[in-house]
N, C-alpha and C. Protein backbone atom coordinates (compact mmCIF):
# COMPACT_ATOMS: atom_id res chain seq x y z
N MET A 1 -10.00 8.60 8.72
CA MET A 1 -10.99 8.04 7.82
C MET A 1 -12.07 9.07 7.48
N ILE A 2 -12.40 9.92 8.42
CA ILE A 2 -13.40 10.95 8.17
C ILE A 2 -12.93 11.90 7.08
N GLU A 3 -11.65 12.27 7.10
CA GLU A 3 -11.11 13.17 6.09
C GLU A 3 -11.18 12.56 4.70
N ILE A 4 -10.96 11.26 4.61
CA ILE A 4 -11.05 10.58 3.31
C ILE A 4 -12.48 10.64 2.79
N LYS A 5 -13.44 10.41 3.66
CA LYS A 5 -14.86 10.49 3.24
C LYS A 5 -15.21 11.90 2.78
N LYS A 6 -14.74 12.91 3.50
CA LYS A 6 -14.98 14.31 3.10
C LYS A 6 -14.37 14.57 1.72
N HIS A 7 -13.15 14.07 1.53
CA HIS A 7 -12.46 14.24 0.24
C HIS A 7 -13.27 13.60 -0.88
N GLN A 8 -13.77 12.39 -0.64
CA GLN A 8 -14.54 11.69 -1.65
C GLN A 8 -15.82 12.45 -1.99
N LEU A 9 -16.48 12.97 -0.98
CA LEU A 9 -17.71 13.73 -1.22
C LEU A 9 -17.42 15.03 -1.97
N ARG A 10 -16.35 15.71 -1.59
CA ARG A 10 -16.00 16.99 -2.20
C ARG A 10 -15.64 16.83 -3.68
N TYR A 11 -14.94 15.76 -4.01
CA TYR A 11 -14.47 15.59 -5.38
C TYR A 11 -15.28 14.60 -6.19
N GLY A 12 -16.51 14.35 -5.76
CA GLY A 12 -17.43 13.58 -6.58
C GLY A 12 -17.25 12.08 -6.58
N GLN A 13 -16.56 11.55 -5.58
CA GLN A 13 -16.40 10.09 -5.52
C GLN A 13 -17.78 9.49 -5.29
N ASP A 14 -18.23 8.66 -6.22
CA ASP A 14 -19.56 8.08 -6.10
C ASP A 14 -19.58 6.77 -5.34
N GLY A 15 -18.43 6.31 -4.90
CA GLY A 15 -18.37 5.07 -4.14
C GLY A 15 -18.36 3.82 -5.00
N LYS A 16 -18.57 3.96 -6.29
CA LYS A 16 -18.64 2.81 -7.18
C LYS A 16 -17.28 2.43 -7.75
N THR A 17 -16.44 3.42 -8.01
CA THR A 17 -15.17 3.14 -8.65
C THR A 17 -14.10 2.70 -7.66
N GLY A 18 -14.22 3.13 -6.40
CA GLY A 18 -13.20 2.80 -5.41
C GLY A 18 -11.95 3.65 -5.54
N LEU A 19 -12.00 4.67 -6.38
CA LEU A 19 -10.83 5.54 -6.58
C LEU A 19 -10.83 6.64 -5.53
N LEU A 20 -9.70 6.84 -4.89
CA LEU A 20 -9.58 7.91 -3.91
C LEU A 20 -9.28 9.24 -4.59
N PHE A 21 -8.50 9.21 -5.66
CA PHE A 21 -8.16 10.42 -6.40
C PHE A 21 -8.59 10.25 -7.85
N PRO A 22 -9.89 10.33 -8.13
CA PRO A 22 -10.33 10.20 -9.51
C PRO A 22 -10.03 11.47 -10.30
N ALA A 23 -9.98 11.33 -11.61
CA ALA A 23 -9.83 12.50 -12.48
C ALA A 23 -11.13 13.29 -12.42
N VAL A 24 -11.12 14.49 -13.00
CA VAL A 24 -12.28 15.37 -12.96
C VAL A 24 -13.53 14.67 -13.48
N HIS A 25 -13.37 13.84 -14.51
CA HIS A 25 -14.51 13.15 -15.10
C HIS A 25 -14.90 11.90 -14.32
N GLY A 26 -14.25 11.65 -13.17
CA GLY A 26 -14.61 10.54 -12.30
C GLY A 26 -13.94 9.22 -12.64
N LYS A 27 -13.13 9.22 -13.66
CA LYS A 27 -12.44 8.00 -14.08
C LYS A 27 -11.07 7.91 -13.45
N TYR A 28 -10.32 6.89 -13.87
CA TYR A 28 -8.97 6.63 -13.37
C TYR A 28 -8.04 7.81 -13.64
N LEU A 29 -7.27 8.19 -12.64
CA LEU A 29 -6.27 9.25 -12.77
C LEU A 29 -4.90 8.60 -12.82
N PRO A 30 -4.19 8.69 -13.94
CA PRO A 30 -2.87 8.05 -14.03
C PRO A 30 -1.93 8.58 -12.94
N PRO A 31 -1.13 7.70 -12.35
CA PRO A 31 -0.21 8.13 -11.29
C PRO A 31 0.70 9.28 -11.69
N THR A 32 1.17 9.26 -12.92
CA THR A 32 2.08 10.34 -13.35
C THR A 32 1.36 11.70 -13.34
N THR A 33 0.09 11.70 -13.70
CA THR A 33 -0.69 12.94 -13.67
C THR A 33 -0.86 13.41 -12.24
N TYR A 34 -1.20 12.48 -11.35
CA TYR A 34 -1.37 12.84 -9.93
C TYR A 34 -0.07 13.41 -9.36
N LEU A 35 1.03 12.72 -9.65
CA LEU A 35 2.32 13.16 -9.10
C LEU A 35 2.72 14.54 -9.64
N ARG A 36 2.53 14.74 -10.93
CA ARG A 36 2.96 15.99 -11.56
C ARG A 36 2.09 17.18 -11.16
N TYR A 37 0.78 17.01 -11.18
CA TYR A 37 -0.10 18.16 -11.01
C TYR A 37 -0.63 18.34 -9.59
N TYR A 38 -0.54 17.34 -8.76
CA TYR A 38 -1.09 17.45 -7.41
C TYR A 38 -0.02 17.25 -6.33
N PHE A 39 0.64 16.09 -6.37
CA PHE A 39 1.58 15.77 -5.30
C PHE A 39 2.80 16.69 -5.28
N LYS A 40 3.42 16.91 -6.43
CA LYS A 40 4.62 17.75 -6.47
C LYS A 40 4.35 19.18 -5.99
N PRO A 41 3.30 19.86 -6.48
CA PRO A 41 3.03 21.22 -5.98
C PRO A 41 2.71 21.24 -4.47
N MET A 42 1.98 20.24 -4.01
CA MET A 42 1.65 20.17 -2.59
C MET A 42 2.93 19.98 -1.77
N ARG A 43 3.79 19.10 -2.24
CA ARG A 43 5.07 18.83 -1.57
C ARG A 43 5.94 20.08 -1.52
N GLU A 44 6.00 20.81 -2.62
CA GLU A 44 6.80 22.03 -2.67
C GLU A 44 6.22 23.10 -1.74
N LYS A 45 4.91 23.18 -1.68
CA LYS A 45 4.25 24.18 -0.84
C LYS A 45 4.58 23.99 0.64
N VAL A 46 4.63 22.75 1.09
CA VAL A 46 4.91 22.48 2.51
C VAL A 46 6.38 22.16 2.75
N LYS A 47 7.19 22.31 1.69
CA LYS A 47 8.65 22.15 1.79
C LYS A 47 9.06 20.75 2.28
N ILE A 48 8.47 19.73 1.67
CA ILE A 48 8.86 18.35 1.95
C ILE A 48 9.69 17.87 0.76
N GLU A 49 10.88 17.38 1.06
CA GLU A 49 11.77 16.94 -0.01
C GLU A 49 11.57 15.48 -0.39
N LYS A 50 10.99 14.70 0.48
CA LYS A 50 10.80 13.27 0.21
C LYS A 50 9.83 13.06 -0.94
N GLY A 51 10.10 12.03 -1.73
CA GLY A 51 9.22 11.70 -2.83
C GLY A 51 8.07 10.81 -2.40
N PHE A 52 7.21 10.51 -3.33
CA PHE A 52 6.00 9.74 -3.04
C PHE A 52 6.32 8.37 -2.46
N HIS A 53 7.33 7.70 -3.01
CA HIS A 53 7.66 6.36 -2.55
C HIS A 53 8.13 6.33 -1.10
N ALA A 54 8.74 7.40 -0.65
CA ALA A 54 9.15 7.48 0.76
C ALA A 54 7.93 7.41 1.67
N PHE A 55 6.83 8.05 1.25
CA PHE A 55 5.61 7.99 2.05
C PHE A 55 5.01 6.59 2.03
N ARG A 56 5.11 5.92 0.90
CA ARG A 56 4.62 4.54 0.79
C ARG A 56 5.41 3.64 1.74
N HIS A 57 6.73 3.79 1.76
CA HIS A 57 7.56 2.98 2.64
C HIS A 57 7.28 3.28 4.11
N THR A 58 7.12 4.55 4.43
CA THR A 58 6.81 4.93 5.81
C THR A 58 5.48 4.33 6.24
N HIS A 59 4.48 4.42 5.37
CA HIS A 59 3.16 3.86 5.65
C HIS A 59 3.26 2.37 5.94
N ALA A 60 3.94 1.64 5.09
CA ALA A 60 4.08 0.20 5.26
C ALA A 60 4.83 -0.14 6.55
N THR A 61 5.92 0.55 6.80
CA THR A 61 6.71 0.29 8.00
C THR A 61 5.91 0.57 9.27
N GLN A 62 5.16 1.65 9.27
CA GLN A 62 4.34 1.98 10.44
C GLN A 62 3.25 0.95 10.67
N LEU A 63 2.64 0.46 9.60
CA LEU A 63 1.62 -0.58 9.75
C LEU A 63 2.21 -1.85 10.35
N ILE A 64 3.37 -2.25 9.85
CA ILE A 64 4.01 -3.47 10.34
C ILE A 64 4.40 -3.33 11.81
N THR A 65 5.02 -2.22 12.17
CA THR A 65 5.45 -2.04 13.56
C THR A 65 4.26 -1.88 14.50
N ALA A 66 3.11 -1.48 13.96
CA ALA A 66 1.90 -1.38 14.78
C ALA A 66 1.21 -2.72 14.95
N GLY A 67 1.74 -3.75 14.29
CA GLY A 67 1.18 -5.09 14.46
C GLY A 67 0.14 -5.49 13.43
N VAL A 68 -0.03 -4.70 12.38
CA VAL A 68 -0.96 -5.08 11.31
C VAL A 68 -0.40 -6.32 10.63
N PRO A 69 -1.22 -7.35 10.41
CA PRO A 69 -0.73 -8.57 9.77
C PRO A 69 -0.05 -8.28 8.43
N ILE A 70 1.06 -8.94 8.21
CA ILE A 70 1.85 -8.69 7.00
C ILE A 70 1.03 -8.97 5.74
N GLN A 71 0.07 -9.89 5.82
CA GLN A 71 -0.78 -10.18 4.66
C GLN A 71 -1.59 -8.94 4.28
N GLU A 72 -2.08 -8.22 5.28
CA GLU A 72 -2.86 -7.01 5.01
C GLU A 72 -1.97 -5.90 4.46
N VAL A 73 -0.78 -5.75 5.01
CA VAL A 73 0.15 -4.75 4.51
C VAL A 73 0.49 -5.07 3.05
N SER A 74 0.75 -6.32 2.77
CA SER A 74 1.07 -6.76 1.42
C SER A 74 -0.07 -6.46 0.45
N ARG A 75 -1.30 -6.72 0.89
CA ARG A 75 -2.47 -6.46 0.05
C ARG A 75 -2.59 -4.96 -0.23
N ARG A 76 -2.41 -4.16 0.80
CA ARG A 76 -2.53 -2.69 0.63
C ARG A 76 -1.48 -2.15 -0.33
N LEU A 77 -0.30 -2.75 -0.33
CA LEU A 77 0.78 -2.30 -1.20
C LEU A 77 0.63 -2.82 -2.63
N GLY A 78 -0.26 -3.79 -2.81
CA GLY A 78 -0.47 -4.36 -4.14
C GLY A 78 0.53 -5.44 -4.50
N HIS A 79 1.21 -5.99 -3.50
CA HIS A 79 2.16 -7.08 -3.77
C HIS A 79 1.40 -8.37 -4.00
N SER A 80 1.79 -9.14 -4.99
CA SER A 80 1.10 -10.39 -5.28
C SER A 80 1.51 -11.50 -4.33
N ARG A 81 2.66 -11.34 -3.68
CA ARG A 81 3.14 -12.34 -2.73
C ARG A 81 3.58 -11.66 -1.44
N VAL A 82 3.25 -12.29 -0.33
CA VAL A 82 3.67 -11.79 0.97
C VAL A 82 5.19 -11.77 1.06
N SER A 83 5.84 -12.71 0.41
CA SER A 83 7.30 -12.78 0.46
C SER A 83 7.94 -11.52 -0.13
N THR A 84 7.29 -10.88 -1.10
CA THR A 84 7.80 -9.63 -1.66
C THR A 84 7.82 -8.55 -0.58
N THR A 85 6.73 -8.46 0.15
CA THR A 85 6.63 -7.49 1.24
C THR A 85 7.69 -7.78 2.30
N LEU A 86 7.85 -9.04 2.64
CA LEU A 86 8.85 -9.42 3.64
C LEU A 86 10.26 -9.08 3.18
N ASP A 87 10.54 -9.30 1.90
CA ASP A 87 11.87 -8.99 1.37
C ASP A 87 12.20 -7.50 1.52
N ILE A 88 11.20 -6.66 1.32
CA ILE A 88 11.41 -5.22 1.35
C ILE A 88 11.40 -4.66 2.78
N TYR A 89 10.51 -5.21 3.62
CA TYR A 89 10.29 -4.63 4.94
C TYR A 89 10.76 -5.52 6.09
N THR A 90 11.75 -6.34 5.83
CA THR A 90 12.29 -7.22 6.86
C THR A 90 12.73 -6.45 8.09
N HIS A 91 13.28 -5.26 7.90
CA HIS A 91 13.78 -4.46 9.02
C HIS A 91 12.69 -4.13 10.04
N ALA A 92 11.43 -4.15 9.61
CA ALA A 92 10.33 -3.76 10.50
C ALA A 92 9.67 -4.96 11.19
N VAL A 93 10.08 -6.16 10.81
CA VAL A 93 9.45 -7.37 11.33
C VAL A 93 10.44 -8.14 12.19
N LYS A 94 9.96 -8.67 13.31
CA LYS A 94 10.83 -9.47 14.18
C LYS A 94 11.21 -10.77 13.49
N ALA A 95 12.41 -11.28 13.81
CA ALA A 95 12.95 -12.48 13.16
C ALA A 95 12.02 -13.68 13.28
N ASP A 96 11.46 -13.92 14.45
CA ASP A 96 10.55 -15.06 14.63
C ASP A 96 9.31 -14.94 13.75
N GLU A 97 8.80 -13.73 13.63
CA GLU A 97 7.63 -13.51 12.79
C GLU A 97 7.96 -13.77 11.32
N ILE A 98 9.15 -13.38 10.91
CA ILE A 98 9.57 -13.60 9.53
C ILE A 98 9.61 -15.09 9.22
N LYS A 99 10.21 -15.88 10.10
CA LYS A 99 10.28 -17.33 9.88
C LYS A 99 8.88 -17.93 9.77
N ALA A 100 8.00 -17.54 10.68
CA ALA A 100 6.64 -18.07 10.66
C ALA A 100 5.90 -17.68 9.39
N MET A 101 6.05 -16.43 8.97
CA MET A 101 5.35 -15.97 7.77
C MET A 101 5.91 -16.61 6.51
N GLN A 102 7.22 -16.79 6.46
CA GLN A 102 7.81 -17.45 5.29
C GLN A 102 7.36 -18.90 5.21
N ALA A 103 7.25 -19.56 6.37
CA ALA A 103 6.77 -20.95 6.39
C ALA A 103 5.34 -21.01 5.87
N MET A 104 4.50 -20.08 6.31
CA MET A 104 3.11 -20.07 5.84
C MET A 104 3.04 -19.73 4.35
N ASP A 105 3.88 -18.85 3.89
CA ASP A 105 3.92 -18.51 2.47
C ASP A 105 4.33 -19.73 1.65
N ASP A 106 5.32 -20.48 2.12
CA ASP A 106 5.75 -21.70 1.43
C ASP A 106 4.63 -22.73 1.39
N ILE A 107 3.94 -22.91 2.52
CA ILE A 107 2.82 -23.87 2.58
C ILE A 107 1.73 -23.44 1.61
N HIS A 108 1.40 -22.17 1.62
CA HIS A 108 0.36 -21.66 0.73
C HIS A 108 0.73 -21.89 -0.74
N ASN A 109 1.97 -21.63 -1.10
CA ASN A 109 2.42 -21.81 -2.49
C ASN A 109 2.40 -23.28 -2.89
N ARG A 110 2.78 -24.18 -1.97
CA ARG A 110 2.72 -25.62 -2.28
C ARG A 110 1.28 -26.06 -2.50
N LEU A 111 0.38 -25.61 -1.63
CA LEU A 111 -1.03 -25.98 -1.78
C LEU A 111 -1.62 -25.43 -3.07
N LYS A 112 -1.24 -24.22 -3.39
CA LYS A 112 -1.73 -23.57 -4.60
C LYS A 112 -1.26 -24.31 -5.85
N SER A 113 -0.05 -24.83 -5.79
CA SER A 113 0.49 -25.53 -6.96
C SER A 113 0.04 -27.00 -7.02
N GLY A 114 -0.68 -27.44 -5.98
CA GLY A 114 -1.17 -28.81 -5.97
C GLY A 114 -0.22 -29.81 -5.34
N ASN A 115 0.93 -29.34 -4.87
CA ASN A 115 1.92 -30.20 -4.22
C ASN A 115 1.67 -30.14 -2.71
N LYS A 116 1.16 -31.22 -2.14
CA LYS A 116 0.81 -31.23 -0.72
C LYS A 116 1.94 -31.75 0.16
N ALA A 117 3.05 -32.10 -0.44
CA ALA A 117 4.18 -32.67 0.34
C ALA A 117 4.90 -31.61 1.10
């Protein structure tokens, strides 16, 4: 976390936008620009063949196996439904936990739709 704060200070993050990798002018940096001009050269320099999405999957899997609630992992990944996260990362979650989380997701969706049955 300290390194992220240093990065934000070094590159002018004012704390208002919430962007970790803002463009030079402090605004939104499109993912394609980040990948092309920053991530790819960095990856080539350290000789890592894995693409960006592999790091995303590793991050999510490590959070789940460390016991971070699936709702938080789902939020961090930007999934609108916990069930999406469960569908993708089932391999990292114990079977009993999956059943419990799917039951809670079903209950939440019923309540959200106004169906209390």
